Amino acid sequence: MIVYIAYPTSLNLQSANALQTFTTLRELIARRPDTLALIPRWGFEPSRFSELNVVHLPRPAIGKLSRFYKSTLLYYLEHSVFAAMTAMRVAPQRHQVEAVYIRQPIIAAWWAGIFGPKLGIPVIYEVHDFESRNPSRAKERWARGLLDLIDRTALCRATAVVSLTNDFRSLLAQLGWRDPADVAVIPDAYDERIFTSQDRAQCRAELGLLPTVPVIAYAGMTFAHRWLEGLLGALRALKATHPTLCGLILGGRPGERAALIAHAVSEGLRVAETTATPADLYVLPPRPQAEVVRCLGAADVLVIPDTVTDVTASPLKLFEYLALGLPIVIPAIPALHEIVPPQLAYSFPRRDLSGLQAALTAALNEGDPALIAARRAVAAEHTYGRRAERIIALVERVR
């Protein structure tokens, strides 16, 4: 039996974290029906994870107290309590458990340091970055040592580590924290049930976009740390050579969209929140993934202006973009080129406005149809089904 422990930030899949967890679990359970997935839930909160027959443990919602005292330390305490709850749930079945797979740093630290060794169960930690570099980490000065302890315990004492990128695996080796042989690289993935090749003309007709205008699109759950202001600057500059060009930005939180719209207006762009109105930039609210793929399918070019992390960068949208086969513009980050060979993307120096503009121009002028098939072939190696198979292979190795 595999035990999978996660702490998704949205039970209704309104975050990349939740989408990755849900779809990975869906494919893992399809291949290993004996998987025991432990997910927290507050009261009778609606949960898409119920579709997968996961076990919902009561969420010890200590983090809600941050309304009165703003500190990530309250969430650390919440995650610590939940870690103990999962250990109590797993302990009676410990002899049936091949490995515990965890993708939350605080819970991983408790399991790697205490619960795993005590119960005699191998622990696999899927790391998305150092907790000490997490933008949402505890900011108290005295907590710096705690952050280092969390990282060292989770990363150094787990039986095996799953990294999203080889770049991060190399960094762990340079630090002397892990032997590369104990770190499996299992990148993020895309849902092949949804992200398939699209008919651009049909997608545009559904959205009401003209068939001949150049369209550059971006989709993301949040806009934070993604340098979308750089994208707006590049779009404004490109209007000089492509007068009919329009941008399509999809997703984000309400406050993020409002701030982006205000910035776009200050750049002199005509902005609309529906494609029924002529505009230079469309800023559309989040929608189901089946609708997201139709919006992306209407584009000529898909862009990732920046990522939150560097050595661990493995954004879901990169794989979704690849599956569509369209020209992709990305920052020149080694972790991204682990997935996308340089010849299949248009890259630019990170946060370089003129570089982004040049990359977008080159992508708009792409004329080789063979590149579309090549991108789709790369994507085919990164479905959630393949991701689940890689996780199972690692479990079989450590059990």
Protein backbone atom coordinates (compact mmCIF):
# COMPACT_ATOMS: atom_id res chain seq x y z
CA MET A 1 0.00 0.00 0.00
CA ILE A 2 1.16 3.53 -0.82
CA VAL A 3 0.22 6.32 1.57
CA TYR A 4 -0.02 9.73 -0.13
CA ILE A 5 -0.19 12.77 2.17
CA ALA A 6 -0.88 16.23 0.79
CA TYR A 7 -2.21 19.58 1.99
CA PRO A 8 -3.84 21.14 -1.10
CA THR A 9 -4.52 24.86 -0.86
CA SER A 10 -7.94 24.49 -2.50
CA LEU A 11 -10.24 21.48 -2.25
CA ASN A 12 -12.12 22.81 -5.29
CA LEU A 13 -8.97 22.88 -7.44
CA GLN A 14 -8.61 26.66 -7.59
CA SER A 15 -4.82 26.53 -7.33
CA ALA A 16 -2.00 24.89 -9.27
CA ASN A 17 -0.99 23.06 -6.08
CA ALA A 18 -4.45 21.49 -5.82
CA LEU A 19 -4.69 20.64 -9.52
CA GLN A 20 -1.33 18.88 -9.49
CA THR A 21 -2.23 16.94 -6.35
CA PHE A 22 -5.68 15.94 -7.61
CA THR A 23 -4.58 14.77 -11.05
CA THR A 24 -1.49 12.97 -9.76
CA LEU A 25 -3.68 11.15 -7.25
CA ARG A 26 -6.28 10.32 -9.90
CA GLU A 27 -3.70 8.55 -12.03
CA LEU A 28 -1.89 6.99 -9.07
CA ILE A 29 -5.10 5.47 -7.69
CA ALA A 30 -6.04 4.22 -11.17
CA ARG A 31 -2.78 2.24 -11.23
CA ARG A 32 -2.58 1.41 -7.54
CA PRO A 33 -6.13 1.17 -6.13
CA ASP A 34 -4.66 0.31 -2.72
CA THR A 35 -3.30 3.87 -2.39
CA LEU A 36 -4.39 5.56 0.84
CA ALA A 37 -4.62 9.32 0.28
CA LEU A 38 -4.89 11.52 3.38
CA ILE A 39 -6.20 15.05 2.77
CA PRO A 40 -7.40 17.63 5.34
CA ARG A 41 -10.89 19.13 5.19
CA TRP A 42 -12.51 21.81 7.34
CA GLY A 43 -15.95 20.61 8.46
CA PHE A 44 -18.13 19.60 5.52
CA GLU A 45 -16.37 21.85 3.05
CA PRO A 46 -17.06 20.71 -0.55
CA SER A 47 -14.14 18.76 -1.96
CA ARG A 48 -13.37 17.55 -5.45
CA PHE A 49 -11.01 15.05 -3.81
CA SER A 50 -14.07 13.09 -2.67
CA GLU A 51 -14.33 11.91 -6.29
CA LEU A 52 -11.12 9.95 -5.69
CA ASN A 53 -12.33 8.30 -2.46
CA VAL A 54 -9.55 9.88 -0.46
CA VAL A 55 -9.68 9.86 3.34
CA HIS A 56 -10.49 13.35 4.59
CA LEU A 57 -9.09 13.94 8.05
CA PRO A 58 -10.40 16.94 10.03
CA ARG A 59 -8.32 19.99 9.29
CA PRO A 60 -6.82 21.37 12.53
CA ALA A 61 -7.44 24.90 11.29
CA ILE A 62 -4.96 26.69 13.56
CA GLY A 63 -3.88 28.81 10.60
CA LYS A 64 -7.24 30.60 10.66
CA LEU A 65 -5.99 32.38 13.78
CA SER A 66 -3.69 34.36 11.48
CA ARG A 67 -6.64 36.72 11.06
CA PHE A 68 -5.82 37.93 14.55
CA TYR A 69 -2.04 37.39 14.57
CA LYS A 70 -0.50 37.34 11.11
CA SER A 71 2.20 34.70 11.09
CA THR A 72 2.99 31.67 8.96
CA LEU A 73 4.11 29.97 12.17
CA LEU A 74 0.44 29.28 12.92
CA TYR A 75 0.25 27.26 9.70
CA TYR A 76 3.44 25.43 10.66
CA LEU A 77 1.70 24.42 13.88
CA GLU A 78 -1.39 23.37 11.93
CA HIS A 79 0.68 21.22 9.58
CA SER A 80 2.51 19.70 12.55
CA VAL A 81 -0.76 18.65 14.18
CA PHE A 82 -1.96 17.18 10.89
CA ALA A 83 1.30 15.25 10.54
CA ALA A 84 0.64 13.64 13.92
CA MET A 85 -2.94 12.85 12.85
CA THR A 86 -1.69 11.07 9.73
CA ALA A 87 0.81 9.06 11.78
CA MET A 88 -1.98 7.88 14.10
CA ARG A 89 -4.10 6.95 11.06
CA VAL A 90 -1.28 5.00 9.40
CA ALA A 91 0.26 3.30 12.47
CA PRO A 92 -2.23 0.39 12.73
CA GLN A 93 -1.55 -0.51 9.06
CA ARG A 94 2.19 0.14 9.10
CA HIS A 95 3.15 -3.40 8.10
CA GLN A 96 1.14 -3.05 4.87
CA VAL A 97 2.67 0.29 3.88
CA GLU A 98 5.40 0.26 1.23
CA ALA A 99 6.15 3.99 1.54
CA VAL A 100 4.66 7.29 2.60
CA TYR A 101 4.75 9.93 -0.16
CA ILE A 102 4.51 13.54 1.05
CA ARG A 103 4.43 16.85 -0.81
CA GLN A 104 4.30 19.31 2.12
CA PRO A 105 7.55 20.37 3.86
CA ILE A 106 6.42 20.56 7.50
CA ILE A 107 4.64 17.22 7.33
CA ALA A 108 7.62 15.72 5.49
CA ALA A 109 10.00 16.92 8.20
CA TRP A 110 7.94 15.24 10.94
CA TRP A 111 7.65 12.00 8.99
CA ALA A 112 11.30 11.92 7.87
CA GLY A 113 12.62 12.83 11.31
CA ILE A 114 10.29 10.94 13.65
CA PHE A 115 7.21 9.09 12.39
CA GLY A 116 8.81 7.22 9.49
CA PRO A 117 11.72 5.82 11.53
CA LYS A 118 9.48 4.98 14.50
CA LEU A 119 6.97 3.11 12.33
CA GLY A 120 9.61 1.55 10.09
CA ILE A 121 8.13 3.09 6.94
CA PRO A 122 10.18 4.60 4.07
CA VAL A 123 9.42 8.29 3.50
CA ILE A 124 9.50 9.99 0.09
CA TYR A 125 9.42 13.79 0.06
CA GLU A 126 8.36 15.65 -3.09
CA VAL A 127 10.13 19.00 -2.71
CA HIS A 128 8.99 22.10 -4.58
CA ASP A 129 11.64 24.42 -3.10
CA PHE A 130 13.47 25.12 0.13
CA GLU A 131 11.00 26.27 2.78
CA SER A 132 13.57 28.93 3.67
CA ARG A 133 13.03 30.44 0.19
CA ASN A 134 9.24 30.13 0.13
CA PRO A 135 7.66 33.60 -0.40
CA SER A 136 5.05 32.61 2.23
CA ARG A 137 7.60 31.36 4.79
CA ALA A 138 7.68 32.52 8.41
CA LYS A 139 9.26 35.98 8.39
CA GLU A 140 10.14 36.26 12.10
CA ARG A 141 13.90 36.76 12.48
CA TRP A 142 14.17 34.17 15.24
CA ALA A 143 12.47 31.58 12.99
CA ARG A 144 15.36 31.42 10.49
CA GLY A 145 16.90 28.50 12.34
CA LEU A 146 13.55 26.72 12.31
CA LEU A 147 13.31 27.09 8.52
CA ASP A 148 16.77 25.57 8.12
CA LEU A 149 15.81 22.72 10.46
CA ILE A 150 12.67 22.00 8.42
CA ASP A 151 14.62 21.91 5.16
CA ARG A 152 17.49 19.82 6.50
CA THR A 153 15.23 17.30 8.24
CA ALA A 154 12.84 16.83 5.34
CA LEU A 155 15.53 16.73 2.66
CA CYS A 156 18.36 14.95 4.46
CA ARG A 157 16.46 12.35 6.46
CA ALA A 158 13.78 11.26 4.00
CA THR A 159 14.45 7.84 2.47
CA ALA A 160 14.27 9.42 -0.98
CA VAL A 161 13.53 12.84 -2.42
CA VAL A 162 11.52 13.71 -5.51
CA SER A 163 12.68 16.88 -7.26
CA LEU A 164 10.77 18.57 -10.05
CA THR A 165 14.04 19.41 -11.81
CA ASN A 166 17.53 18.06 -12.30
CA ASP A 167 18.81 21.57 -11.55
CA PHE A 168 17.56 21.28 -7.97
CA ARG A 169 18.93 17.74 -7.64
CA SER A 170 22.36 19.10 -8.62
CA LEU A 171 22.03 21.88 -6.05
CA LEU A 172 21.31 19.36 -3.27
CA ALA A 173 24.45 17.46 -4.30
CA GLN A 174 26.55 20.66 -4.31
CA LEU A 175 25.34 21.46 -0.79
CA GLY A 176 26.27 17.95 0.29
CA TRP A 177 22.72 17.31 1.45
CA ARG A 178 21.84 14.34 -0.79
CA ASP A 179 23.52 11.81 -3.01
CA PRO A 180 22.00 12.35 -6.49
CA ALA A 181 21.21 8.62 -6.55
CA ASP A 182 18.67 9.23 -3.77
CA VAL A 183 16.91 12.05 -5.62
CA ALA A 184 14.46 11.13 -8.37
CA VAL A 185 13.53 13.79 -10.92
CA ILE A 186 9.78 13.65 -11.53
CA PRO A 187 8.60 16.85 -13.25
CA ASP A 188 5.11 18.26 -13.15
CA ALA A 189 2.70 17.22 -15.87
CA TYR A 190 -0.46 18.05 -17.79
CA ASP A 191 -3.89 16.45 -18.05
CA GLU A 192 -4.02 14.79 -21.45
CA ARG A 193 -7.80 14.38 -21.12
CA ILE A 194 -8.17 18.15 -21.44
CA PHE A 195 -5.09 19.65 -23.08
CA THR A 196 -5.16 18.38 -26.64
CA SER A 197 -4.55 20.09 -29.98
CA GLN A 198 -7.17 22.73 -30.80
CA ASP A 199 -8.70 24.21 -33.95
CA ARG A 200 -7.62 27.86 -33.75
CA ALA A 201 -10.36 29.16 -36.04
CA GLN A 202 -13.05 27.38 -34.04
CA CYS A 203 -11.62 28.59 -30.72
CA ARG A 204 -11.60 32.17 -31.99
CA ALA A 205 -15.14 31.89 -33.30
CA GLU A 206 -16.32 30.73 -29.87
CA LEU A 207 -14.59 33.70 -28.22
CA GLY A 208 -15.63 36.22 -30.85
CA LEU A 209 -12.04 37.02 -31.85
CA LEU A 210 -11.20 37.95 -35.43
CA PRO A 211 -9.47 35.12 -37.33
CA THR A 212 -6.57 37.25 -38.57
CA VAL A 213 -5.41 39.25 -35.53
CA PRO A 214 -2.20 38.07 -33.81
CA VAL A 215 -2.98 36.85 -30.27
CA ILE A 216 -0.48 36.35 -27.43
CA ALA A 217 -1.90 34.48 -24.44
CA TYR A 218 -1.01 33.74 -20.82
CA ALA A 219 -2.99 31.65 -18.32
CA GLY A 220 -2.28 31.30 -14.62
CA MET A 221 -4.02 30.72 -11.30
CA THR A 222 -2.23 33.72 -9.82
CA PHE A 223 -0.28 36.64 -11.23
CA ALA A 224 2.05 37.09 -8.24
CA HIS A 225 5.79 37.05 -9.09
CA ARG A 226 5.04 36.31 -12.79
CA TRP A 227 6.25 39.66 -14.22
CA LEU A 228 3.04 40.33 -16.11
CA GLU A 229 3.86 44.03 -16.06
CA GLY A 230 6.79 43.12 -18.32
CA LEU A 231 4.40 41.33 -20.67
CA LEU A 232 2.19 44.43 -20.83
CA GLY A 233 5.19 46.58 -21.72
CA ALA A 234 6.18 44.17 -24.48
CA LEU A 235 2.63 44.08 -25.87
CA ARG A 236 2.51 47.87 -25.99
CA ALA A 237 5.87 48.01 -27.82
CA LEU A 238 4.82 45.31 -30.31
CA LYS A 239 1.76 47.32 -31.31
CA ALA A 240 4.13 49.53 -33.34
CA THR A 241 4.92 46.64 -35.71
CA HIS A 242 1.73 44.60 -35.21
CA PRO A 243 -1.08 47.18 -34.95
CA THR A 244 -3.87 44.60 -34.64
CA LEU A 245 -2.06 42.53 -31.98
CA CYS A 246 -4.02 41.69 -28.84
CA GLY A 247 -3.11 40.05 -25.56
CA LEU A 248 -5.22 37.49 -23.72
CA ILE A 249 -4.55 37.04 -20.00
CA LEU A 250 -6.63 34.47 -18.18
CA GLY A 251 -6.92 33.74 -14.45
CA GLY A 252 -5.64 35.53 -11.38
CA ARG A 253 -7.37 36.71 -8.24
CA PRO A 254 -9.84 39.64 -8.40
CA GLY A 255 -7.38 42.10 -6.84
CA GLU A 256 -4.60 40.94 -9.17
CA ARG A 257 -6.80 41.42 -12.23
CA ALA A 258 -7.84 44.90 -11.08
CA ALA A 259 -4.21 45.93 -10.55
CA LEU A 260 -3.20 44.48 -13.93
CA ILE A 261 -6.00 46.32 -15.71
CA ALA A 262 -4.97 49.60 -14.08
CA HIS A 263 -1.36 49.02 -15.17
CA ALA A 264 -2.44 48.19 -18.72
CA VAL A 265 -4.51 51.36 -18.96
CA SER A 266 -1.50 53.35 -17.76
CA GLU A 267 0.46 51.75 -20.64
CA GLY A 268 -2.12 53.13 -23.07
CA LEU A 269 -3.74 49.77 -23.84
CA ARG A 270 -7.48 49.38 -24.40
CA VAL A 271 -8.62 46.75 -21.92
CA ALA A 272 -11.77 44.61 -21.83
CA GLU A 273 -12.94 41.88 -19.47
CA THR A 274 -14.91 40.10 -22.17
CA THR A 275 -13.88 39.16 -25.71
CA ALA A 276 -17.18 40.58 -27.00
CA THR A 277 -15.62 44.07 -26.82
CA PRO A 278 -12.78 45.17 -29.16
CA ALA A 279 -9.59 45.70 -27.14
CA ASP A 280 -5.80 45.51 -27.12
CA LEU A 281 -5.84 43.34 -24.01
CA TYR A 282 -8.43 40.92 -22.65
CA VAL A 283 -8.19 40.14 -18.94
CA LEU A 284 -10.53 37.22 -18.25
CA PRO A 285 -11.41 35.66 -14.87
CA PRO A 286 -10.60 32.02 -14.00
CA ARG A 287 -12.72 29.31 -15.57
CA PRO A 288 -12.76 25.49 -15.78
CA GLN A 289 -9.76 23.92 -17.49
CA ALA A 290 -11.92 22.74 -20.39
CA GLU A 291 -12.59 26.43 -21.14
CA VAL A 292 -8.99 27.47 -20.47
CA VAL A 293 -7.76 25.17 -23.23
CA ARG A 294 -10.19 26.78 -25.70
CA CYS A 295 -8.87 30.24 -24.81
CA LEU A 296 -5.26 29.11 -25.23
CA GLY A 297 -6.15 27.37 -28.48
CA ALA A 298 -7.17 30.74 -29.93
CA ALA A 299 -3.64 32.11 -29.55
CA ASP A 300 -0.73 32.37 -31.96
CA VAL A 301 1.84 32.45 -29.15
CA LEU A 302 1.78 31.28 -25.52
CA VAL A 303 4.03 33.01 -22.99
CA ILE A 304 5.47 32.51 -19.51
CA PRO A 305 6.93 35.93 -18.56
CA ASP A 306 8.56 34.60 -15.38
CA THR A 307 8.34 31.92 -12.69
CA VAL A 308 8.25 32.15 -8.89
CA THR A 309 11.31 29.92 -8.50
CA ASP A 310 14.39 29.19 -10.58
CA VAL A 311 16.13 25.86 -9.90
CA THR A 312 12.77 24.23 -9.05
CA ALA A 313 10.75 25.91 -11.82
CA SER A 314 8.31 23.39 -13.32
CA PRO A 315 5.08 25.33 -13.99
CA LEU A 316 2.01 23.33 -14.96
CA LYS A 317 1.28 25.78 -17.76
CA LEU A 318 4.56 24.87 -19.48
CA PHE A 319 3.35 21.30 -20.02
CA GLU A 320 -0.13 22.47 -20.99
CA TYR A 321 1.35 24.88 -23.54
CA LEU A 322 3.54 22.12 -24.98
CA ALA A 323 0.54 19.84 -25.41
CA LEU A 324 -1.09 22.43 -27.68
CA GLY A 325 2.04 22.61 -29.85
CA LEU A 326 1.91 26.40 -30.26
CA PRO A 327 5.02 28.63 -30.20
CA ILE A 328 6.17 29.16 -26.61
CA VAL A 329 8.07 32.10 -25.12
CA ILE A 330 9.87 31.44 -21.82
CA PRO A 331 12.60 33.00 -19.67
CA ALA A 332 16.05 31.46 -20.14
CA ILE A 333 16.00 29.36 -16.97
CA PRO A 334 17.92 26.03 -17.08
CA ALA A 335 15.13 24.20 -15.24
CA LEU A 336 12.65 25.08 -17.99
CA HIS A 337 15.03 23.95 -20.73
CA GLU A 338 15.27 20.56 -19.03
CA ILE A 339 11.75 20.07 -20.38
CA VAL A 340 11.76 22.23 -23.51
CA PRO A 341 14.81 21.98 -25.79
CA PRO A 342 16.02 25.46 -26.83
CA GLN A 343 15.05 24.86 -30.45
CA LEU A 344 11.40 24.34 -29.47
CA ALA A 345 10.97 27.59 -27.54
CA TYR A 346 11.80 31.27 -27.84
CA SER A 347 13.73 32.28 -24.74
CA PHE A 348 14.89 35.62 -23.38
CA PRO A 349 17.09 36.79 -20.48
CA ARG A 350 15.01 36.81 -17.33
CA ARG A 351 13.10 40.09 -16.78
CA ASP A 352 14.67 41.67 -19.85
CA LEU A 353 11.97 43.70 -21.61
CA SER A 354 13.73 44.06 -24.95
CA GLY A 355 14.58 40.35 -24.84
CA LEU A 356 10.94 39.43 -24.19
CA GLN A 357 9.83 41.67 -27.04
CA ALA A 358 12.33 40.05 -29.43
CA ALA A 359 11.29 36.53 -28.37
CA LEU A 360 7.59 37.34 -28.90
CA THR A 361 8.36 38.77 -32.35
CA ALA A 362 10.28 35.63 -33.35
CA ALA A 363 7.49 33.40 -32.06
CA LEU A 364 4.85 35.33 -34.02
CA ASN A 365 6.92 34.75 -37.16
CA GLU A 366 7.39 30.98 -36.67
CA GLY A 367 6.83 29.19 -39.94
CA ASP A 368 7.93 25.59 -39.42
CA PRO A 369 4.93 23.28 -38.80
CA ALA A 370 7.28 20.48 -37.71
CA LEU A 371 7.87 22.36 -34.46
CA ILE A 372 4.23 21.87 -33.48
CA ALA A 373 4.53 18.08 -33.65
CA ALA A 374 7.88 18.18 -31.86
CA ARG A 375 6.42 20.10 -28.90
CA ARG A 376 3.52 17.68 -28.63
CA ALA A 377 5.95 14.77 -28.64
CA VAL A 378 7.82 16.33 -25.70
CA ALA A 379 4.54 16.86 -23.85
CA ALA A 380 3.53 13.22 -24.34
CA GLU A 381 6.33 12.19 -21.96
CA HIS A 382 4.84 14.36 -19.21
CA THR A 383 1.26 13.25 -18.79
CA TYR A 384 -0.04 12.66 -15.28
CA GLY A 385 -0.21 8.97 -16.14
CA ARG A 386 3.53 8.90 -16.78
CA ARG A 387 4.07 10.91 -13.59
CA ALA A 388 2.15 8.35 -11.54
CA GLU A 389 4.17 5.52 -13.09
CA ARG A 390 7.41 7.24 -12.10
CA ILE A 391 6.17 7.61 -8.53
CA ILE A 392 5.22 3.93 -8.38
CA ALA A 393 8.65 2.93 -9.72
CA LEU A 394 10.31 4.97 -6.96
CA VAL A 395 8.11 3.39 -4.28
CA GLU A 396 9.09 -0.05 -5.53
CA ARG A 397 12.74 0.96 -5.32
CA VAL A 398 12.67 2.15 -1.69
CA ARG A 399 10.23 -0.29 -0.08
